[in-house]
PDB file of N, CA and C in Angstrom:
ATOM      1  N   MET A   1      -0.958  18.346  71.981  1.00  0.00           N
ATOM      2  CA  MET A   1      -1.146  18.980  73.263  1.00  0.00           C
ATOM      3  C   MET A   1      -0.448  20.341  73.257  1.00  0.00           C
ATOM      4  N   LEU A   2      -1.111  21.313  73.801  1.00  0.00           N
ATOM      5  CA  LEU A   2      -0.606  22.674  73.839  1.00  0.00           C
ATOM      6  C   LEU A   2       0.420  22.832  74.953  1.00  0.00           C
ATOM      7  N   SER A   3       1.611  23.307  74.589  1.00  0.00           N
ATOM      8  CA  SER A   3       2.594  23.602  75.636  1.00  0.00           C
ATOM      9  C   SER A   3       2.503  25.091  75.952  1.00  0.00           C
ATOM     10  N   LYS A   4       2.657  25.428  77.215  1.00  0.00           N
ATOM     11  CA  LYS A   4       2.468  26.814  77.615  1.00  0.00           C
ATOM     12  C   LYS A   4       3.370  27.152  78.780  1.00  0.00           C
ATOM     13  N   GLN A   5       3.582  28.453  78.967  1.00  0.00           N
ATOM     14  CA  GLN A   5       4.263  28.973  80.136  1.00  0.00           C
ATOM     15  C   GLN A   5       3.361  30.033  80.731  1.00  0.00           C
ATOM     16  N   ILE A   6       3.088  29.935  82.004  1.00  0.00           N
ATOM     17  CA  ILE A   6       2.282  30.950  82.681  1.00  0.00           C
ATOM     18  C   ILE A   6       3.223  32.022  83.190  1.00  0.00           C
ATOM     19  N   LEU A   7       2.943  33.263  82.802  1.00  0.00           N
ATOM     20  CA  LEU A   7       3.758  34.393  83.219  1.00  0.00           C
ATOM     21  C   LEU A   7       3.161  34.965  84.497  1.00  0.00           C
ATOM     22  N   ILE A   8       3.995  35.098  85.527  1.00  0.00           N
ATOM     23  CA  ILE A   8       3.517  35.598  86.813  1.00  0.00           C
ATOM     24  C   ILE A   8       4.289  36.863  87.204  1.00  0.00           C
ATOM     25  N   ASP A   9       3.649  37.698  88.022  1.00  0.00           N
ATOM     26  CA  ASP A   9       4.327  38.905  88.493  1.00  0.00           C
ATOM     27  C   ASP A   9       5.131  38.592  89.757  1.00  0.00           C
ATOM     28  N   ARG A  10       5.709  39.614  90.356  1.00  0.00           N
ATOM     29  CA  ARG A  10       6.569  39.401  91.528  1.00  0.00           C
ATOM     30  C   ARG A  10       5.813  38.854  92.738  1.00  0.00           C
ATOM     31  N   GLN A  11       4.496  39.083  92.782  1.00  0.00           N
ATOM     32  CA  GLN A  11       3.701  38.552  93.893  1.00  0.00           C
ATOM     33  C   GLN A  11       3.189  37.136  93.613  1.00  0.00           C
ATOM     34  N   GLY A  12       3.544  36.598  92.450  1.00  0.00           N
ATOM     35  CA  GLY A  12       3.107  35.256  92.099  1.00  0.00           C
ATOM     36  C   GLY A  12       1.735  35.200  91.452  1.00  0.00           C
ATOM     37  N   ILE A  13       1.203  36.351  91.047  1.00  0.00           N
ATOM     38  CA  ILE A  13      -0.122  36.406  90.423  1.00  0.00           C
ATOM     39  C   ILE A  13       0.022  36.172  88.913  1.00  0.00           C
ATOM     40  N   PRO A  14      -0.728  35.209  88.356  1.00  0.00           N
ATOM     41  CA  PRO A  14      -0.670  34.969  86.914  1.00  0.00           C
ATOM     42  C   PRO A  14      -1.083  36.221  86.134  1.00  0.00           C
ATOM     43  N   MET A  15      -0.277  36.586  85.147  1.00  0.00           N
ATOM     44  CA  MET A  15      -0.527  37.798  84.368  1.00  0.00           C
ATOM     45  C   MET A  15      -0.736  37.511  82.881  1.00  0.00           C
ATOM     46  N   GLY A  16      -0.354  36.333  82.430  1.00  0.00           N
ATOM     47  CA  GLY A  16      -0.492  36.017  81.014  1.00  0.00           C
ATOM     48  C   GLY A  16       0.022  34.624  80.727  1.00  0.00           C
ATOM     49  N   ILE A  17      -0.053  34.280  79.453  1.00  0.00           N
ATOM     50  CA  ILE A  17       0.400  32.958  79.014  1.00  0.00           C
ATOM     51  C   ILE A  17       1.254  33.136  77.771  1.00  0.00           C
ATOM     52  N   PHE A  18       2.316  32.390  77.707  1.00  0.00           N
ATOM     53  CA  PHE A  18       3.156  32.319  76.515  1.00  0.00           C
ATOM     54  C   PHE A  18       2.970  30.930  75.927  1.00  0.00           C
ATOM     55  N   ILE A  19       2.688  30.893  74.621  1.00  0.00           N
ATOM     56  CA  ILE A  19       2.633  29.602  73.925  1.00  0.00           C
ATOM     57  C   ILE A  19       3.568  29.680  72.720  1.00  0.00           C
ATOM     58  N   PRO A  20       4.214  28.581  72.382  1.00  0.00           N
ATOM     59  CA  PRO A  20       5.100  28.577  71.216  1.00  0.00           C
ATOM     60  C   PRO A  20       4.321  28.878  69.931  1.00  0.00           C
ATOM     61  N   ILE A  21       4.996  29.468  68.966  1.00  0.00           N
ATOM     62  CA  ILE A  21       4.353  29.887  67.720  1.00  0.00           C
ATOM     63  C   ILE A  21       3.726  28.707  66.976  1.00  0.00           C
ATOM     64  N   GLN A  22       4.324  27.532  67.070  1.00  0.00           N
ATOM     65  CA  GLN A  22       3.746  26.352  66.396  1.00  0.00           C
ATOM     66  C   GLN A  22       2.361  26.048  66.974  1.00  0.00           C
ATOM     67  N   ASP A  23       2.237  26.159  68.298  1.00  0.00           N
ATOM     68  CA  ASP A  23       0.944  25.917  68.941  1.00  0.00           C
ATOM     69  C   ASP A  23      -0.060  27.005  68.551  1.00  0.00           C
ATOM     70  N   TRP A  24       0.409  28.247  68.491  1.00  0.00           N
ATOM     71  CA  TRP A  24      -0.457  29.348  68.086  1.00  0.00           C
ATOM     72  C   TRP A  24      -0.985  29.119  66.668  1.00  0.00           C
ATOM     73  N   ASN A  25      -0.098  28.702  65.755  1.00  0.00           N
ATOM     74  CA  ASN A  25      -0.516  28.446  64.372  1.00  0.00           C
ATOM     75  C   ASN A  25      -1.543  27.319  64.311  1.00  0.00           C
ATOM     76  N   SER A  26      -1.391  26.308  65.163  1.00  0.00           N
ATOM     77  CA  SER A  26      -2.383  25.223  65.220  1.00  0.00           C
ATOM     78  C   SER A  26      -3.730  25.749  65.706  1.00  0.00           C
ATOM     79  N   LEU A  27      -3.701  26.643  66.702  1.00  0.00           N
ATOM     80  CA  LEU A  27      -4.945  27.230  67.207  1.00  0.00           C
ATOM     81  C   LEU A  27      -5.647  28.043  66.126  1.00  0.00           C
ATOM     82  N   ILE A  28      -4.870  28.794  65.347  1.00  0.00           N
ATOM     83  CA  ILE A  28      -5.464  29.605  64.273  1.00  0.00           C
ATOM     84  C   ILE A  28      -6.151  28.715  63.242  1.00  0.00           C
ATOM     85  N   ILE A  29      -5.562  27.572  62.952  1.00  0.00           N
ATOM     86  CA  ILE A  29      -6.177  26.634  62.000  1.00  0.00           C
ATOM     87  C   ILE A  29      -7.482  26.088  62.568  1.00  0.00           C
ATOM     88  N   GLN A  30      -7.473  25.701  63.848  1.00  0.00           N
ATOM     89  CA  GLN A  30      -8.675  25.147  64.480  1.00  0.00           C
ATOM     90  C   GLN A  30      -9.749  26.200  64.711  1.00  0.00           C
ATOM     91  N   TYR A  31      -9.338  27.404  65.074  1.00  0.00           N
ATOM     92  CA  TYR A  31     -10.266  28.480  65.424  1.00  0.00           C
ATOM     93  C   TYR A  31      -9.890  29.737  64.643  1.00  0.00           C
ATOM     94  N   PRO A  32     -10.318  29.829  63.385  1.00  0.00           N
ATOM     95  CA  PRO A  32      -9.885  30.936  62.523  1.00  0.00           C
ATOM     96  C   PRO A  32     -10.209  32.336  63.066  1.00  0.00           C
ATOM     97  N   ASP A  33     -11.228  32.467  63.887  1.00  0.00           N
ATOM     98  CA  ASP A  33     -11.601  33.791  64.404  1.00  0.00           C
ATOM     99  C   ASP A  33     -10.909  34.142  65.716  1.00  0.00           C
ATOM    100  N   ILE A  34      -9.967  33.337  66.154  1.00  0.00           N
ATOM    101  CA  ILE A  34      -9.349  33.545  67.466  1.00  0.00           C
ATOM    102  C   ILE A  34      -8.675  34.918  67.578  1.00  0.00           C
ATOM    103  N   GLU A  35      -8.172  35.428  66.478  1.00  0.00           N
ATOM    104  CA  GLU A  35      -7.494  36.726  66.539  1.00  0.00           C
ATOM    105  C   GLU A  35      -8.478  37.886  66.651  1.00  0.00           C
ATOM    106  N   ASN A  36      -9.758  37.624  66.474  1.00  0.00           N
ATOM    107  CA  ASN A  36     -10.772  38.677  66.562  1.00  0.00           C
ATOM    108  C   ASN A  36     -11.482  38.690  67.905  1.00  0.00           C
ATOM    109  N   LEU A  37     -10.979  37.951  68.877  1.00  0.00           N
ATOM    110  CA  LEU A  37     -11.651  37.844  70.167  1.00  0.00           C
ATOM    111  C   LEU A  37     -11.600  39.126  70.984  1.00  0.00           C
ATOM    112  N   ASP A  38     -10.742  40.056  70.614  1.00  0.00           N
ATOM    113  CA  ASP A  38     -10.648  41.293  71.388  1.00  0.00           C
ATOM    114  C   ASP A  38     -11.634  42.359  70.921  1.00  0.00           C
ATOM    115  N   ILE A  39     -12.483  42.008  69.965  1.00  0.00           N
ATOM    116  CA  ILE A  39     -13.505  42.942  69.497  1.00  0.00           C
ATOM    117  C   ILE A  39     -14.533  43.120  70.612  1.00  0.00           C
ATOM    118  N   ASP A  40     -14.873  44.372  70.897  1.00  0.00           N
ATOM    119  CA  ASP A  40     -15.801  44.671  71.980  1.00  0.00           C
ATOM    120  C   ASP A  40     -17.211  44.189  71.647  1.00  0.00           C
ATOM    121  N   LEU A  41     -17.906  43.666  72.649  1.00  0.00           N
ATOM    122  CA  LEU A  41     -19.289  43.228  72.463  1.00  0.00           C
ATOM    123  C   LEU A  41     -20.202  44.436  72.295  1.00  0.00           C
ATOM    124  N   PRO A  42     -21.266  44.284  71.515  1.00  0.00           N
ATOM    125  CA  PRO A  42     -22.250  45.361  71.441  1.00  0.00           C
ATOM    126  C   PRO A  42     -22.926  45.556  72.805  1.00  0.00           C
ATOM    127  N   GLN A  43     -23.400  46.762  73.070  1.00  0.00           N
ATOM    128  CA  GLN A  43     -23.977  47.080  74.375  1.00  0.00           C
ATOM    129  C   GLN A  43     -25.159  46.177  74.711  1.00  0.00           C
ATOM    130  N   TRP A  44     -25.985  45.813  73.719  1.00  0.00           N
ATOM    131  CA  TRP A  44     -27.145  44.968  74.013  1.00  0.00           C
ATOM    132  C   TRP A  44     -26.711  43.600  74.540  1.00  0.00           C
ATOM    133  N   GLU A  45     -25.560  43.076  74.043  1.00  0.00           N
ATOM    134  CA  GLU A  45     -25.067  41.795  74.541  1.00  0.00           C
ATOM    135  C   GLU A  45     -24.538  41.938  75.967  1.00  0.00           C
ATOM    136  N   LYS A  46     -23.826  43.030  76.235  1.00  0.00           N
ATOM    137  CA  LYS A  46     -23.338  43.281  77.590  1.00  0.00           C
ATOM    138  C   LYS A  46     -24.507  43.392  78.562  1.00  0.00           C
ATOM    139  N   ASP A  47     -25.561  44.115  78.152  1.00  0.00           N
ATOM    140  CA  ASP A  47     -26.741  44.265  79.014  1.00  0.00           C
ATOM    141  C   ASP A  47     -27.396  42.918  79.285  1.00  0.00           C
ATOM    142  N   PHE A  48     -27.499  42.088  78.253  1.00  0.00           N
ATOM    143  CA  PHE A  48     -28.098  40.760  78.386  1.00  0.00           C
ATOM    144  C   PHE A  48     -27.295  39.905  79.373  1.00  0.00           C
ATOM    145  N   ILE A  49     -25.967  39.915  79.227  1.00  0.00           N
ATOM    146  CA  ILE A  49     -25.101  39.141  80.118  1.00  0.00           C
ATOM    147  C   ILE A  49     -25.224  39.649  81.549  1.00  0.00           C
ATOM    148  N   ASP A  50     -25.212  40.976  81.715  1.00  0.00           N
ATOM    149  CA  ASP A  50     -25.353  41.559  83.057  1.00  0.00           C
ATOM    150  C   ASP A  50     -26.677  41.145  83.699  1.00  0.00           C
ATOM    151  N   LYS A  51     -27.745  41.135  82.912  1.00  0.00           N
ATOM    152  CA  LYS A  51     -29.062  40.748  83.438  1.00  0.00           C
ATOM    153  C   LYS A  51     -29.053  39.283  83.880  1.00  0.00           C
ATOM    154  N   ARG A  52     -28.454  38.419  83.057  1.00  0.00           N
ATOM    155  CA  ARG A  52     -28.390  36.993  83.400  1.00  0.00           C
ATOM    156  C   ARG A  52     -27.547  36.761  84.656  1.00  0.00           C
ATOM    157  N   LEU A  53     -26.420  37.463  84.766  1.00  0.00           N
ATOM    158  CA  LEU A  53     -25.576  37.324  85.956  1.00  0.00           C
ATOM    159  C   LEU A  53     -26.300  37.826  87.200  1.00  0.00           C
ATOM    160  N   ASP A  54     -27.035  38.911  87.064  1.00  0.00           N
ATOM    161  CA  ASP A  54     -27.807  39.437  88.190  1.00  0.00           C
ATOM    162  C   ASP A  54     -28.859  38.425  88.634  1.00  0.00           C
ATOM    163  N   MET A  55     -29.551  37.825  87.687  1.00  0.00           N
ATOM    164  CA  MET A  55     -30.572  36.819  88.017  1.00  0.00           C
ATOM    165  C   MET A  55     -29.935  35.601  88.705  1.00  0.00           C
ATOM    166  N   ALA A  56     -28.764  35.198  88.238  1.00  0.00           N
ATOM    167  CA  ALA A  56     -28.082  34.050  88.846  1.00  0.00           C
ATOM    168  C   ALA A  56     -27.676  34.355  90.281  1.00  0.00           C
ATOM    169  N   GLN A  57     -27.270  35.585  90.541  1.00  0.00           N
ATOM    170  CA  GLN A  57     -26.899  35.957  91.909  1.00  0.00           C
ATOM    171  C   GLN A  57     -28.119  36.059  92.816  1.00  0.00           C
ATOM    172  N   ARG A  58     -29.223  36.599  92.285  1.00  0.00           N
ATOM    173  CA  ARG A  58     -30.412  36.781  93.121  1.00  0.00           C
ATOM    174  C   ARG A  58     -31.164  35.483  93.358  1.00  0.00           C
ATOM    175  N   TYR A  59     -31.103  34.560  92.404  1.00  0.00           N
ATOM    176  CA  TYR A  59     -31.854  33.303  92.507  1.00  0.00           C
ATOM    177  C   TYR A  59     -30.942  32.102  92.240  1.00  0.00           C
ATOM    178  N   PRO A  60     -29.941  31.876  93.084  1.00  0.00           N
ATOM    179  CA  PRO A  60     -29.001  30.773  92.831  1.00  0.00           C
ATOM    180  C   PRO A  60     -29.674  29.401  92.837  1.00  0.00           C
ATOM    181  N   GLU A  61     -30.820  29.303  93.517  1.00  0.00           N
ATOM    182  CA  GLU A  61     -31.517  28.010  93.562  1.00  0.00           C
ATOM    183  C   GLU A  61     -32.062  27.605  92.191  1.00  0.00           C
ATOM    184  N   ARG A  62     -32.164  28.540  91.277  1.00  0.00           N
ATOM    185  CA  ARG A  62     -32.643  28.232  89.926  1.00  0.00           C
ATOM    186  C   ARG A  62     -31.555  27.626  89.042  1.00  0.00           C
ATOM    187  N   LEU A  63     -30.307  27.758  89.451  1.00  0.00           N
ATOM    188  CA  LEU A  63     -29.207  27.219  88.658  1.00  0.00           C
ATOM    189  C   LEU A  63     -29.160  25.713  88.822  1.00  0.00           C
ATOM    190  N   LYS A  64     -28.991  25.041  87.723  1.00  0.00           N
ATOM    191  CA  LYS A  64     -28.940  23.581  87.732  1.00  0.00           C
ATOM    192  C   LYS A  64     -27.753  23.126  86.880  1.00  0.00           C
ATOM    193  N   PRO A  65     -27.149  22.005  87.240  1.00  0.00           N
ATOM    194  CA  PRO A  65     -26.030  21.479  86.443  1.00  0.00           C
ATOM    195  C   PRO A  65     -26.496  21.129  85.032  1.00  0.00           C
ATOM    196  N   ILE A  66     -25.628  21.319  84.071  1.00  0.00           N
ATOM    197  CA  ILE A  66     -25.936  21.019  82.658  1.00  0.00           C
ATOM    198  C   ILE A  66     -26.306  19.549  82.484  1.00  0.00           C
ATOM    199  N   GLU A  67     -25.752  18.674  83.341  1.00  0.00           N
ATOM    200  CA  GLU A  67     -26.061  17.249  83.240  1.00  0.00           C
ATOM    201  C   GLU A  67     -27.555  16.980  83.420  1.00  0.00           C
ATOM    202  N   MET A  68     -28.204  17.770  84.283  1.00  0.00           N
ATOM    203  CA  MET A  68     -29.660  17.595  84.497  1.00  0.00           C
ATOM    204  C   MET A  68     -30.433  17.935  83.214  1.00  0.00           C
ATOM    205  N   LEU A  69     -30.010  18.980  82.539  1.00  0.00           N
ATOM    206  CA  LEU A  69     -30.668  19.343  81.283  1.00  0.00           C
ATOM    207  C   LEU A  69     -30.455  18.250  80.249  1.00  0.00           C
ATOM    208  N   LEU A  70     -29.229  17.788  80.120  1.00  0.00           N
ATOM    209  CA  LEU A  70     -28.941  16.765  79.121  1.00  0.00           C
ATOM    210  C   LEU A  70     -29.694  15.476  79.406  1.00  0.00           C
ATOM    211  N   LYS A  71     -29.864  15.123  80.678  1.00  0.00           N
ATOM    212  CA  LYS A  71     -30.635  13.927  81.042  1.00  0.00           C
ATOM    213  C   LYS A  71     -32.083  14.066  80.611  1.00  0.00           C
ATOM    214  N   SER A  72     -32.646  15.268  80.820  1.00  0.00           N
ATOM    215  CA  SER A  72     -34.056  15.463  80.499  1.00  0.00           C
ATOM    216  C   SER A  72     -34.316  15.444  78.997  1.00  0.00           C
ATOM    217  N   LEU A  73     -33.286  15.684  78.213  1.00  0.00           N
ATOM    218  CA  LEU A  73     -33.454  15.647  76.756  1.00  0.00           C
ATOM    219  C   LEU A  73     -33.375  14.223  76.297  1.00  0.00           C
TER     220      LEU A  73
END
């Protein structure tokens, strides 16, 4: 189990997380690319995500729980 400390600012707003180095090393073993997560997405991916989010906002009735999809399969 991952132990963590949530770092908060003076207003009580969460600003970050501290995890012990042993837990970090375990995460690196499980997810070798975790240190590359700060790489910027290509513009085409950002555009695709923006389009999907826009569609979800305009047509919320089209959104369905994942459980419904899994049942139909």
